[in-house]
Amino acid sequence: MILTVSTSELTPTVHIVHLSGMLSAVTYQGLEKELQRLVAEGAKLIVLDLQGLEFLGSTGIRVLLQTLKTMRAQGGDVRTLNVPKTIQEVLDLVQLFPASQAFANKAELQASLAK
């Protein structure tokens, strides 16, 4: 099981975290470190690009939920982008990151930031 995590910066406080592979109890640590780094550096919006995510396990859900709680406590937010249907079904099941708040694509994200 492999999880690839990469980050791109849209602005100094807005970052896209690209995930590819399987987010599980075996692979979560790299993502957790990256999210903690972004929070510590003052990110106000973290967008999780889940297009390449094939599996989301309970430990991965815990990492995402903890990041969301931390960001909101600091006045920030976490949103999703390019969510595969199977992953959205898992997120809906645990009532985390509703599809209605997900960005369908990068253009929609950038339009939101331009407001």
PDB file of N, CA and C in Angstrom:
ATOM      1  N   MET A   1       0.837  -1.189   0.000  1.00  0.00           N
ATOM      2  CA  MET A   1       0.000   0.000   0.000  1.00  0.00           C
ATOM      3  C   MET A   1       0.873   1.241   0.000  1.00  0.00           C
ATOM      4  N   ILE A   2       0.598   2.126  -0.922  1.00  0.00           N
ATOM      5  CA  ILE A   2       1.382   3.353  -1.055  1.00  0.00           C
ATOM      6  C   ILE A   2       0.434   4.543  -1.120  1.00  0.00           C
ATOM      7  N   LEU A   3       0.847   5.633  -0.475  1.00  0.00           N
ATOM      8  CA  LEU A   3       0.151   6.905  -0.578  1.00  0.00           C
ATOM      9  C   LEU A   3       1.171   7.940  -1.000  1.00  0.00           C
ATOM     10  N   THR A   4       0.873   8.638  -2.082  1.00  0.00           N
ATOM     11  CA  THR A   4       1.724   9.725  -2.548  1.00  0.00           C
ATOM     12  C   THR A   4       1.057  11.033  -2.161  1.00  0.00           C
ATOM     13  N   VAL A   5       1.827  11.920  -1.523  1.00  0.00           N
ATOM     14  CA  VAL A   5       1.321  13.224  -1.082  1.00  0.00           C
ATOM     15  C   VAL A   5       2.212  14.300  -1.680  1.00  0.00           C
ATOM     16  N   SER A   6       1.603  15.263  -2.359  1.00  0.00           N
ATOM     17  CA  SER A   6       2.347  16.418  -2.854  1.00  0.00           C
ATOM     18  C   SER A   6       1.491  17.660  -2.618  1.00  0.00           C
ATOM     19  N   THR A   7       2.155  18.784  -2.460  1.00  0.00           N
ATOM     20  CA  THR A   7       1.442  20.025  -2.147  1.00  0.00           C
ATOM     21  C   THR A   7       1.808  21.107  -3.141  1.00  0.00           C
ATOM     22  N   SER A   8       0.798  21.864  -3.553  1.00  0.00           N
ATOM     23  CA  SER A   8       1.047  23.043  -4.381  1.00  0.00           C
ATOM     24  C   SER A   8       0.418  24.241  -3.682  1.00  0.00           C
ATOM     25  N   GLU A   9       1.071  25.383  -3.818  1.00  0.00           N
ATOM     26  CA  GLU A   9       0.629  26.613  -3.161  1.00  0.00           C
ATOM     27  C   GLU A   9      -0.084  27.499  -4.166  1.00  0.00           C
ATOM     28  N   LEU A  10      -1.340  27.857  -3.859  1.00  0.00           N
ATOM     29  CA  LEU A  10      -2.065  28.797  -4.705  1.00  0.00           C
ATOM     30  C   LEU A  10      -1.788  30.221  -4.268  1.00  0.00           C
ATOM     31  N   THR A  11      -1.773  30.422  -2.958  1.00  0.00           N
ATOM     32  CA  THR A  11      -1.394  31.690  -2.350  1.00  0.00           C
ATOM     33  C   THR A  11      -0.599  31.319  -1.092  1.00  0.00           C
ATOM     34  N   PRO A  12       0.003  32.265  -0.414  1.00  0.00           N
ATOM     35  CA  PRO A  12       0.747  31.904   0.801  1.00  0.00           C
ATOM     36  C   PRO A  12      -0.104  31.221   1.878  1.00  0.00           C
ATOM     37  N   THR A  13      -1.423  31.380   1.825  1.00  0.00           N
ATOM     38  CA  THR A  13      -2.273  30.755   2.841  1.00  0.00           C
ATOM     39  C   THR A  13      -3.255  29.728   2.280  1.00  0.00           C
ATOM     40  N   VAL A  14      -3.188  29.452   0.996  1.00  0.00           N
ATOM     41  CA  VAL A  14      -4.072  28.469   0.357  1.00  0.00           C
ATOM     42  C   VAL A  14      -3.213  27.413  -0.329  1.00  0.00           C
ATOM     43  N   HIS A  15      -3.425  26.169   0.064  1.00  0.00           N
ATOM     44  CA  HIS A  15      -2.615  25.065  -0.449  1.00  0.00           C
ATOM     45  C   HIS A  15      -3.504  23.924  -0.930  1.00  0.00           C
ATOM     46  N   ILE A  16      -3.074  23.282  -2.009  1.00  0.00           N
ATOM     47  CA  ILE A  16      -3.743  22.072  -2.484  1.00  0.00           C
ATOM     48  C   ILE A  16      -2.844  20.896  -2.136  1.00  0.00           C
ATOM     49  N   VAL A  17      -3.412  19.919  -1.439  1.00  0.00           N
ATOM     50  CA  VAL A  17      -2.690  18.701  -1.097  1.00  0.00           C
ATOM     51  C   VAL A  17      -3.239  17.603  -1.995  1.00  0.00           C
ATOM     52  N   HIS A  18      -2.380  17.090  -2.873  1.00  0.00           N
ATOM     53  CA  HIS A  18      -2.760  16.062  -3.843  1.00  0.00           C
ATOM     54  C   HIS A  18      -2.470  14.691  -3.248  1.00  0.00           C
ATOM     55  N   LEU A  19      -3.494  13.835  -3.222  1.00  0.00           N
ATOM     56  CA  LEU A  19      -3.343  12.487  -2.683  1.00  0.00           C
ATOM     57  C   LEU A  19      -3.560  11.466  -3.785  1.00  0.00           C
ATOM     58  N   SER A  20      -2.697  10.459  -3.786  1.00  0.00           N
ATOM     59  CA  SER A  20      -2.821   9.389  -4.762  1.00  0.00           C
ATOM     60  C   SER A  20      -2.479   8.071  -4.085  1.00  0.00           C
ATOM     61  N   GLY A  21      -3.335   7.089  -4.248  1.00  0.00           N
ATOM     62  CA  GLY A  21      -3.086   5.773  -3.665  1.00  0.00           C
ATOM     63  C   GLY A  21      -4.084   5.448  -2.577  1.00  0.00           C
ATOM     64  N   MET A  22      -3.568   4.869  -1.491  1.00  0.00           N
ATOM     65  CA  MET A  22      -4.421   4.373  -0.419  1.00  0.00           C
ATOM     66  C   MET A  22      -4.087   5.070   0.898  1.00  0.00           C
ATOM     67  N   LEU A  23      -5.088   5.683   1.520  1.00  0.00           N
ATOM     68  CA  LEU A  23      -4.913   6.358   2.801  1.00  0.00           C
ATOM     69  C   LEU A  23      -5.436   5.423   3.891  1.00  0.00           C
ATOM     70  N   SER A  24      -4.515   4.829   4.611  1.00  0.00           N
ATOM     71  CA  SER A  24      -4.866   3.808   5.598  1.00  0.00           C
ATOM     72  C   SER A  24      -3.995   3.931   6.840  1.00  0.00           C
ATOM     73  N   ALA A  25      -4.157   2.989   7.752  1.00  0.00           N
ATOM     74  CA  ALA A  25      -3.361   2.956   8.981  1.00  0.00           C
ATOM     75  C   ALA A  25      -1.883   2.756   8.690  1.00  0.00           C
ATOM     76  N   VAL A  26      -1.565   2.205   7.544  1.00  0.00           N
ATOM     77  CA  VAL A  26      -0.176   1.950   7.158  1.00  0.00           C
ATOM     78  C   VAL A  26       0.452   3.174   6.492  1.00  0.00           C
ATOM     79  N   THR A  27      -0.368   4.007   5.837  1.00  0.00           N
ATOM     80  CA  THR A  27       0.178   5.074   4.985  1.00  0.00           C
ATOM     81  C   THR A  27      -0.095   6.498   5.456  1.00  0.00           C
ATOM     82  N   TYR A  28      -0.813   6.688   6.540  1.00  0.00           N
ATOM     83  CA  TYR A  28      -1.298   8.012   6.922  1.00  0.00           C
ATOM     84  C   TYR A  28      -0.220   8.988   7.385  1.00  0.00           C
ATOM     85  N   GLN A  29       0.915   8.504   7.854  1.00  0.00           N
ATOM     86  CA  GLN A  29       1.884   9.357   8.538  1.00  0.00           C
ATOM     87  C   GLN A  29       2.440  10.488   7.670  1.00  0.00           C
ATOM     88  N   GLY A  30       2.714  10.224   6.401  1.00  0.00           N
ATOM     89  CA  GLY A  30       3.225  11.272   5.517  1.00  0.00           C
ATOM     90  C   GLY A  30       2.212  12.389   5.338  1.00  0.00           C
ATOM     91  N   LEU A  31       0.944  12.020   5.174  1.00  0.00           N
ATOM     92  CA  LEU A  31      -0.108  13.024   5.038  1.00  0.00           C
ATOM     93  C   LEU A  31      -0.266  13.809   6.333  1.00  0.00           C
ATOM     94  N   GLU A  32      -0.269  13.125   7.453  1.00  0.00           N
ATOM     95  CA  GLU A  32      -0.425  13.800   8.737  1.00  0.00           C
ATOM     96  C   GLU A  32       0.681  14.828   8.957  1.00  0.00           C
ATOM     97  N   LYS A  33       1.919  14.472   8.647  1.00  0.00           N
ATOM     98  CA  LYS A  33       3.045  15.405   8.793  1.00  0.00           C
ATOM     99  C   LYS A  33       2.882  16.615   7.892  1.00  0.00           C
ATOM    100  N   GLU A  34       2.475  16.374   6.654  1.00  0.00           N
ATOM    101  CA  GLU A  34       2.315  17.481   5.708  1.00  0.00           C
ATOM    102  C   GLU A  34       1.197  18.419   6.146  1.00  0.00           C
ATOM    103  N   LEU A  35       0.085  17.879   6.597  1.00  0.00           N
ATOM    104  CA  LEU A  35      -1.021  18.716   7.056  1.00  0.00           C
ATOM    105  C   LEU A  35      -0.632  19.505   8.306  1.00  0.00           C
ATOM    106  N   GLN A  36       0.087  18.885   9.218  1.00  0.00           N
ATOM    107  CA  GLN A  36       0.553  19.586  10.413  1.00  0.00           C
ATOM    108  C   GLN A  36       1.508  20.719  10.046  1.00  0.00           C
ATOM    109  N   ARG A  37       2.354  20.491   9.055  1.00  0.00           N
ATOM    110  CA  ARG A  37       3.284  21.524   8.595  1.00  0.00           C
ATOM    111  C   ARG A  37       2.513  22.727   8.036  1.00  0.00           C
ATOM    112  N   LEU A  38       1.518  22.452   7.203  1.00  0.00           N
ATOM    113  CA  LEU A  38       0.737  23.535   6.601  1.00  0.00           C
ATOM    114  C   LEU A  38       0.002  24.343   7.671  1.00  0.00           C
ATOM    115  N   VAL A  39      -0.588  23.654   8.636  1.00  0.00           N
ATOM    116  CA  VAL A  39      -1.282  24.339   9.728  1.00  0.00           C
ATOM    117  C   VAL A  39      -0.298  25.214  10.508  1.00  0.00           C
ATOM    118  N   ALA A  40       0.863  24.659  10.836  1.00  0.00           N
ATOM    119  CA  ALA A  40       1.875  25.391  11.614  1.00  0.00           C
ATOM    120  C   ALA A  40       2.398  26.607  10.860  1.00  0.00           C
ATOM    121  N   GLU A  41       2.404  26.542   9.537  1.00  0.00           N
ATOM    122  CA  GLU A  41       2.903  27.654   8.732  1.00  0.00           C
ATOM    123  C   GLU A  41       1.827  28.688   8.416  1.00  0.00           C
ATOM    124  N   GLY A  42       0.628  28.510   8.981  1.00  0.00           N
ATOM    125  CA  GLY A  42      -0.402  29.536   8.842  1.00  0.00           C
ATOM    126  C   GLY A  42      -1.372  29.386   7.699  1.00  0.00           C
ATOM    127  N   ALA A  43      -1.539  28.189   7.182  1.00  0.00           N
ATOM    128  CA  ALA A  43      -2.521  27.973   6.113  1.00  0.00           C
ATOM    129  C   ALA A  43      -3.910  28.373   6.599  1.00  0.00           C
ATOM    130  N   LYS A  44      -4.663  29.003   5.733  1.00  0.00           N
ATOM    131  CA  LYS A  44      -6.048  29.367   6.045  1.00  0.00           C
ATOM    132  C   LYS A  44      -7.037  28.466   5.312  1.00  0.00           C
ATOM    133  N   LEU A  45      -6.604  27.903   4.187  1.00  0.00           N
ATOM    134  CA  LEU A  45      -7.447  26.969   3.438  1.00  0.00           C
ATOM    135  C   LEU A  45      -6.565  25.851   2.908  1.00  0.00           C
ATOM    136  N   ILE A  46      -6.924  24.635   3.260  1.00  0.00           N
ATOM    137  CA  ILE A  46      -6.266  23.450   2.715  1.00  0.00           C
ATOM    138  C   ILE A  46      -7.301  22.735   1.862  1.00  0.00           C
ATOM    139  N   VAL A  47      -6.972  22.529   0.603  1.00  0.00           N
ATOM    140  CA  VAL A  47      -7.860  21.840  -0.325  1.00  0.00           C
ATOM    141  C   VAL A  47      -7.257  20.469  -0.606  1.00  0.00           C
ATOM    142  N   LEU A  48      -8.018  19.439  -0.323  1.00  0.00           N
ATOM    143  CA  LEU A  48      -7.565  18.072  -0.540  1.00  0.00           C
ATOM    144  C   LEU A  48      -8.006  17.614  -1.917  1.00  0.00           C
ATOM    145  N   ASP A  49      -7.054  17.453  -2.840  1.00  0.00           N
ATOM    146  CA  ASP A  49      -7.351  16.952  -4.172  1.00  0.00           C
ATOM    147  C   ASP A  49      -7.313  15.425  -4.090  1.00  0.00           C
ATOM    148  N   LEU A  50      -8.489  14.824  -4.122  1.00  0.00           N
ATOM    149  CA  LEU A  50      -8.617  13.387  -3.893  1.00  0.00           C
ATOM    150  C   LEU A  50      -8.774  12.585  -5.180  1.00  0.00           C
ATOM    151  N   GLN A  51      -8.502  13.203  -6.311  1.00  0.00           N
ATOM    152  CA  GLN A  51      -8.722  12.546  -7.595  1.00  0.00           C
ATOM    153  C   GLN A  51      -8.025  11.190  -7.697  1.00  0.00           C
ATOM    154  N   GLY A  52      -6.816  11.077  -7.168  1.00  0.00           N
ATOM    155  CA  GLY A  52      -6.066   9.827  -7.275  1.00  0.00           C
ATOM    156  C   GLY A  52      -6.219   8.903  -6.083  1.00  0.00           C
ATOM    157  N   LEU A  53      -7.084   9.259  -5.137  1.00  0.00           N
ATOM    158  CA  LEU A  53      -7.250   8.431  -3.940  1.00  0.00           C
ATOM    159  C   LEU A  53      -8.118   7.223  -4.269  1.00  0.00           C
ATOM    160  N   GLU A  54      -7.607   6.046  -3.954  1.00  0.00           N
ATOM    161  CA  GLU A  54      -8.307   4.801  -4.266  1.00  0.00           C
ATOM    162  C   GLU A  54      -8.984   4.189  -3.053  1.00  0.00           C
ATOM    163  N   PHE A  55      -8.488   4.494  -1.855  1.00  0.00           N
ATOM    164  CA  PHE A  55      -9.016   3.895  -0.635  1.00  0.00           C
ATOM    165  C   PHE A  55      -8.864   4.891   0.505  1.00  0.00           C
ATOM    166  N   LEU A  56      -9.883   4.964   1.361  1.00  0.00           N
ATOM    167  CA  LEU A  56      -9.856   5.830   2.533  1.00  0.00           C
ATOM    168  C   LEU A  56     -10.306   5.016   3.735  1.00  0.00           C
ATOM    169  N   GLY A  57      -9.365   4.716   4.620  1.00  0.00           N
ATOM    170  CA  GLY A  57      -9.658   3.931   5.807  1.00  0.00           C
ATOM    171  C   GLY A  57      -9.930   4.807   7.017  1.00  0.00           C
ATOM    172  N   SER A  58     -10.255   4.168   8.130  1.00  0.00           N
ATOM    173  CA  SER A  58     -10.649   4.900   9.336  1.00  0.00           C
ATOM    174  C   SER A  58      -9.527   5.773   9.893  1.00  0.00           C
ATOM    175  N   THR A  59      -8.281   5.335   9.795  1.00  0.00           N
ATOM    176  CA  THR A  59      -7.178   6.162  10.290  1.00  0.00           C
ATOM    177  C   THR A  59      -7.028   7.404   9.426  1.00  0.00           C
ATOM    178  N   GLY A  60      -7.216   7.266   8.130  1.00  0.00           N
ATOM    179  CA  GLY A  60      -7.187   8.422   7.236  1.00  0.00           C
ATOM    180  C   GLY A  60      -8.298   9.400   7.554  1.00  0.00           C
ATOM    181  N   ILE A  61      -9.478   8.876   7.857  1.00  0.00           N
ATOM    182  CA  ILE A  61     -10.602   9.730   8.230  1.00  0.00           C
ATOM    183  C   ILE A  61     -10.258  10.503   9.503  1.00  0.00           C
ATOM    184  N   ARG A  62      -9.615   9.839  10.473  1.00  0.00           N
ATOM    185  CA  ARG A  62      -9.225  10.499  11.716  1.00  0.00           C
ATOM    186  C   ARG A  62      -8.276  11.664  11.439  1.00  0.00           C
ATOM    187  N   VAL A  63      -7.294  11.451  10.562  1.00  0.00           N
ATOM    188  CA  VAL A  63      -6.335  12.514  10.222  1.00  0.00           C
ATOM    189  C   VAL A  63      -7.058  13.694   9.580  1.00  0.00           C
ATOM    190  N   LEU A  64      -7.968  13.428   8.664  1.00  0.00           N
ATOM    191  CA  LEU A  64      -8.705  14.498   7.989  1.00  0.00           C
ATOM    192  C   LEU A  64      -9.604  15.246   8.972  1.00  0.00           C
ATOM    193  N   LEU A  65     -10.274  14.510   9.850  1.00  0.00           N
ATOM    194  CA  LEU A  65     -11.154  15.139  10.830  1.00  0.00           C
ATOM    195  C   LEU A  65     -10.361  16.009  11.806  1.00  0.00           C
ATOM    196  N   GLN A  66      -9.237  15.511  12.276  1.00  0.00           N
ATOM    197  CA  GLN A  66      -8.411  16.283  13.212  1.00  0.00           C
ATOM    198  C   GLN A  66      -7.903  17.564  12.550  1.00  0.00           C
ATOM    199  N   THR A  67      -7.495  17.465  11.295  1.00  0.00           N
ATOM    200  CA  THR A  67      -7.024  18.651  10.570  1.00  0.00           C
ATOM    201  C   THR A  67      -8.158  19.657  10.400  1.00  0.00           C
ATOM    202  N   LEU A  68      -9.341  19.176  10.065  1.00  0.00           N
ATOM    203  CA  LEU A  68     -10.495  20.051   9.909  1.00  0.00           C
ATOM    204  C   LEU A  68     -10.800  20.778  11.220  1.00  0.00           C
ATOM    205  N   LYS A  69     -10.806  20.053  12.333  1.00  0.00           N
ATOM    206  CA  LYS A  69     -11.077  20.667  13.636  1.00  0.00           C
ATOM    207  C   LYS A  69     -10.027  21.725  13.977  1.00  0.00           C
ATOM    208  N   THR A  70      -8.761  21.395  13.743  1.00  0.00           N
ATOM    209  CA  THR A  70      -7.674  22.333  14.045  1.00  0.00           C
ATOM    210  C   THR A  70      -7.789  23.588  13.184  1.00  0.00           C
ATOM    211  N   MET A  71      -8.029  23.395  11.903  1.00  0.00           N
ATOM    212  CA  MET A  71      -8.131  24.542  10.993  1.00  0.00           C
ATOM    213  C   MET A  71      -9.308  25.435  11.375  1.00  0.00           C
ATOM    214  N   ARG A  72     -10.446  24.856  11.658  1.00  0.00           N
ATOM    215  CA  ARG A  72     -11.618  25.671  12.010  1.00  0.00           C
ATOM    216  C   ARG A  72     -11.409  26.402  13.326  1.00  0.00           C
ATOM    217  N   ALA A  73     -10.711  25.779  14.270  1.00  0.00           N
ATOM    218  CA  ALA A  73     -10.416  26.439  15.548  1.00  0.00           C
ATOM    219  C   ALA A  73      -9.522  27.656  15.337  1.00  0.00           C
ATOM    220  N   GLN A  74      -8.741  27.655  14.261  1.00  0.00           N
ATOM    221  CA  GLN A  74      -7.839  28.764  13.956  1.00  0.00           C
ATOM    222  C   GLN A  74      -8.419  29.706  12.901  1.00  0.00           C
ATOM    223  N   GLY A  75      -9.700  29.533  12.579  1.00  0.00           N
ATOM    224  CA  GLY A  75     -10.348  30.409  11.617  1.00  0.00           C
ATOM    225  C   GLY A  75     -10.141  30.005  10.172  1.00  0.00           C
ATOM    226  N   GLY A  76      -9.638  28.803   9.936  1.00  0.00           N
ATOM    227  CA  GLY A  76      -9.410  28.318   8.577  1.00  0.00           C
ATOM    228  C   GLY A  76     -10.423  27.255   8.193  1.00  0.00           C
ATOM    229  N   ASP A  77     -10.132  26.557   7.096  1.00  0.00           N
ATOM    230  CA  ASP A  77     -11.048  25.517   6.634  1.00  0.00           C
ATOM    231  C   ASP A  77     -10.292  24.492   5.802  1.00  0.00           C
ATOM    232  N   VAL A  78     -10.919  23.346   5.643  1.00  0.00           N
ATOM    233  CA  VAL A  78     -10.433  22.286   4.765  1.00  0.00           C
ATOM    234  C   VAL A  78     -11.578  21.941   3.831  1.00  0.00           C
ATOM    235  N   ARG A  79     -11.275  21.868   2.537  1.00  0.00           N
ATOM    236  CA  ARG A  79     -12.289  21.515   1.535  1.00  0.00           C
ATOM    237  C   ARG A  79     -11.722  20.427   0.640  1.00  0.00           C
ATOM    238  N   THR A  80     -12.573  19.842  -0.170  1.00  0.00           N
ATOM    239  CA  THR A  80     -12.141  18.779  -1.076  1.00  0.00           C
ATOM    240  C   THR A  80     -12.301  19.201  -2.527  1.00  0.00           C
ATOM    241  N   LEU A  81     -11.595  18.484  -3.379  1.00  0.00           N
ATOM    242  CA  LEU A  81     -11.557  18.775  -4.814  1.00  0.00           C
ATOM    243  C   LEU A  81     -11.438  17.453  -5.558  1.00  0.00           C
ATOM    244  N   ASN A  82     -12.129  17.323  -6.675  1.00  0.00           N
ATOM    245  CA  ASN A  82     -12.010  16.146  -7.547  1.00  0.00           C
ATOM    246  C   ASN A  82     -12.207  14.836  -6.782  1.00  0.00           C
ATOM    247  N   VAL A  83     -13.308  14.729  -6.052  1.00  0.00           N
ATOM    248  CA  VAL A  83     -13.529  13.555  -5.204  1.00  0.00           C
ATOM    249  C   VAL A  83     -14.165  12.422  -6.011  1.00  0.00           C
ATOM    250  N   PRO A  84     -13.490  11.260  -6.074  1.00  0.00           N
ATOM    251  CA  PRO A  84     -14.100  10.106  -6.747  1.00  0.00           C
ATOM    252  C   PRO A  84     -15.384   9.681  -6.025  1.00  0.00           C
ATOM    253  N   LYS A  85     -16.314   9.127  -6.763  1.00  0.00           N
ATOM    254  CA  LYS A  85     -17.613   8.744  -6.204  1.00  0.00           C
ATOM    255  C   LYS A  85     -17.455   7.793  -5.018  1.00  0.00           C
ATOM    256  N   THR A  86     -16.586   6.807  -5.127  1.00  0.00           N
ATOM    257  CA  THR A  86     -16.434   5.833  -4.037  1.00  0.00           C
ATOM    258  C   THR A  86     -15.890   6.482  -2.766  1.00  0.00           C
ATOM    259  N   ILE A  87     -14.994   7.452  -2.931  1.00  0.00           N
ATOM    260  CA  ILE A  87     -14.447   8.162  -1.770  1.00  0.00           C
ATOM    261  C   ILE A  87     -15.511   9.088  -1.180  1.00  0.00           C
ATOM    262  N   GLN A  88     -16.304   9.750  -2.024  1.00  0.00           N
ATOM    263  CA  GLN A  88     -17.369  10.623  -1.526  1.00  0.00           C
ATOM    264  C   GLN A  88     -18.395   9.818  -0.738  1.00  0.00           C
ATOM    265  N   GLU A  89     -18.654   8.589  -1.157  1.00  0.00           N
ATOM    266  CA  GLU A  89     -19.587   7.739  -0.424  1.00  0.00           C
ATOM    267  C   GLU A  89     -19.082   7.479   0.999  1.00  0.00           C
ATOM    268  N   VAL A  90     -17.784   7.262   1.149  1.00  0.00           N
ATOM    269  CA  VAL A  90     -17.198   7.066   2.480  1.00  0.00           C
ATOM    270  C   VAL A  90     -17.319   8.350   3.287  1.00  0.00           C
ATOM    271  N   LEU A  91     -16.982   9.478   2.683  1.00  0.00           N
ATOM    272  CA  LEU A  91     -17.073  10.767   3.382  1.00  0.00           C
ATOM    273  C   LEU A  91     -18.510  11.067   3.799  1.00  0.00           C
ATOM    274  N   ASP A  92     -19.472  10.737   2.940  1.00  0.00           N
ATOM    275  CA  ASP A  92     -20.882  10.943   3.270  1.00  0.00           C
ATOM    276  C   ASP A  92     -21.299  10.046   4.440  1.00  0.00           C
ATOM    277  N   LEU A  93     -20.820   8.829   4.439  1.00  0.00           N
ATOM    278  CA  LEU A  93     -21.162   7.874   5.487  1.00  0.00           C
ATOM    279  C   LEU A  93     -20.747   8.381   6.874  1.00  0.00           C
ATOM    280  N   VAL A  94     -19.574   9.008   6.942  1.00  0.00           N
ATOM    281  CA  VAL A  94     -19.084   9.519   8.233  1.00  0.00           C
ATOM    282  C   VAL A  94     -19.407  11.006   8.420  1.00  0.00           C
ATOM    283  N   GLN A  95     -20.184  11.554   7.495  1.00  0.00           N
ATOM    284  CA  GLN A  95     -20.622  12.950   7.536  1.00  0.00           C
ATOM    285  C   GLN A  95     -19.444  13.919   7.628  1.00  0.00           C
ATOM    286  N   LEU A  96     -18.483  13.717   6.760  1.00  0.00           N
ATOM    287  CA  LEU A  96     -17.293  14.554   6.691  1.00  0.00           C
ATOM    288  C   LEU A  96     -17.135  15.051   5.263  1.00  0.00           C
ATOM    289  N   PHE A  97     -16.940  16.324   5.067  1.00  0.00           N
ATOM    290  CA  PHE A  97     -16.760  16.940   3.752  1.00  0.00           C
ATOM    291  C   PHE A  97     -17.919  16.613   2.806  1.00  0.00           C
ATOM    292  N   PRO A  98     -19.092  17.205   3.038  1.00  0.00           N
ATOM    293  CA  PRO A  98     -20.242  16.933   2.169  1.00  0.00           C
ATOM    294  C   PRO A  98     -19.969  17.303   0.709  1.00  0.00           C
ATOM    295  N   ALA A  99     -20.544  16.535  -0.179  1.00  0.00           N
ATOM    296  CA  ALA A  99     -20.346  16.755  -1.616  1.00  0.00           C
ATOM    297  C   ALA A  99     -20.767  18.165  -2.022  1.00  0.00           C
ATOM    298  N   SER A 100     -21.760  18.722  -1.346  1.00  0.00           N
ATOM    299  CA  SER A 100     -22.248  20.059  -1.682  1.00  0.00           C
ATOM    300  C   SER A 100     -21.202  21.143  -1.438  1.00  0.00           C
ATOM    301  N   GLN A 101     -20.180  20.843  -0.624  1.00  0.00           N
ATOM    302  CA  GLN A 101     -19.132  21.820  -0.349  1.00  0.00           C
ATOM    303  C   GLN A 101     -17.827  21.510  -1.072  1.00  0.00           C
ATOM    304  N   ALA A 102     -17.813  20.462  -1.870  1.00  0.00           N
ATOM    305  CA  ALA A 102     -16.603  20.081  -2.600  1.00  0.00           C
ATOM    306  C   ALA A 102     -16.456  20.938  -3.860  1.00  0.00           C
ATOM    307  N   PHE A 103     -15.226  21.209  -4.236  1.00  0.00           N
ATOM    308  CA  PHE A 103     -14.959  21.869  -5.514  1.00  0.00           C
ATOM    309  C   PHE A 103     -14.938  20.786  -6.590  1.00  0.00           C
ATOM    310  N   ALA A 104     -15.684  20.999  -7.658  1.00  0.00           N
ATOM    311  CA  ALA A 104     -15.756  20.009  -8.730  1.00  0.00           C
ATOM    312  C   ALA A 104     -14.451  19.945  -9.519  1.00  0.00           C
ATOM    313  N   ASN A 105     -13.769  21.096  -9.622  1.00  0.00           N
ATOM    314  CA  ASN A 105     -12.520  21.149 -10.379  1.00  0.00           C
ATOM    315  C   ASN A 105     -11.717  22.374  -9.924  1.00  0.00           C
ATOM    316  N   LYS A 106     -10.511  22.506 -10.463  1.00  0.00           N
ATOM    317  CA  LYS A 106      -9.627  23.590 -10.046  1.00  0.00           C
ATOM    318  C   LYS A 106     -10.175  24.960 -10.459  1.00  0.00           C
ATOM    319  N   ALA A 107     -10.865  25.033 -11.587  1.00  0.00           N
ATOM    320  CA  ALA A 107     -11.433  26.303 -12.046  1.00  0.00           C
ATOM    321  C   ALA A 107     -12.468  26.807 -11.038  1.00  0.00           C
ATOM    322  N   GLU A 108     -13.269  25.891 -10.505  1.00  0.00           N
ATOM    323  CA  GLU A 108     -14.270  26.267  -9.501  1.00  0.00           C
ATOM    324  C   GLU A 108     -13.604  26.762  -8.225  1.00  0.00           C
ATOM    325  N   LEU A 109     -12.517  26.116  -7.842  1.00  0.00           N
ATOM    326  CA  LEU A 109     -11.730  26.547  -6.671  1.00  0.00           C
ATOM    327  C   LEU A 109     -11.193  27.959  -6.889  1.00  0.00           C
ATOM    328  N   GLN A 110     -10.582  28.193  -8.045  1.00  0.00           N
ATOM    329  CA  GLN A 110      -9.993  29.502  -8.317  1.00  0.00           C
ATOM    330  C   GLN A 110     -11.053  30.591  -8.397  1.00  0.00           C
ATOM    331  N   ALA A 111     -12.226  30.263  -8.920  1.00  0.00           N
ATOM    332  CA  ALA A 111     -13.325  31.236  -8.966  1.00  0.00           C
ATOM    333  C   ALA A 111     -13.777  31.587  -7.554  1.00  0.00           C
ATOM    334  N   SER A 112     -13.797  30.606  -6.679  1.00  0.00           N
ATOM    335  CA  SER A 112     -14.166  30.832  -5.275  1.00  0.00           C
ATOM    336  C   SER A 112     -13.170  31.753  -4.582  1.00  0.00           C
ATOM    337  N   LEU A 113     -11.893  31.576  -4.879  1.00  0.00           N
ATOM    338  CA  LEU A 113     -10.856  32.408  -4.268  1.00  0.00           C
ATOM    339  C   LEU A 113     -10.894  33.833  -4.787  1.00  0.00           C
ATOM    340  N   ALA A 114     -11.374  34.024  -6.006  1.00  0.00           N
ATOM    341  CA  ALA A 114     -11.408  35.354  -6.621  1.00  0.00           C
ATOM    342  C   ALA A 114     -12.504  36.235  -6.016  1.00  0.00           C
ATOM    343  N   LYS A 115     -13.420  35.634  -5.286  1.00  0.00           N
ATOM    344  CA  LYS A 115     -14.548  36.394  -4.707  1.00  0.00           C
ATOM    345  C   LYS A 115     -14.086  37.282  -3.586  1.00  0.00           C
TER     346      LYS A 115
END
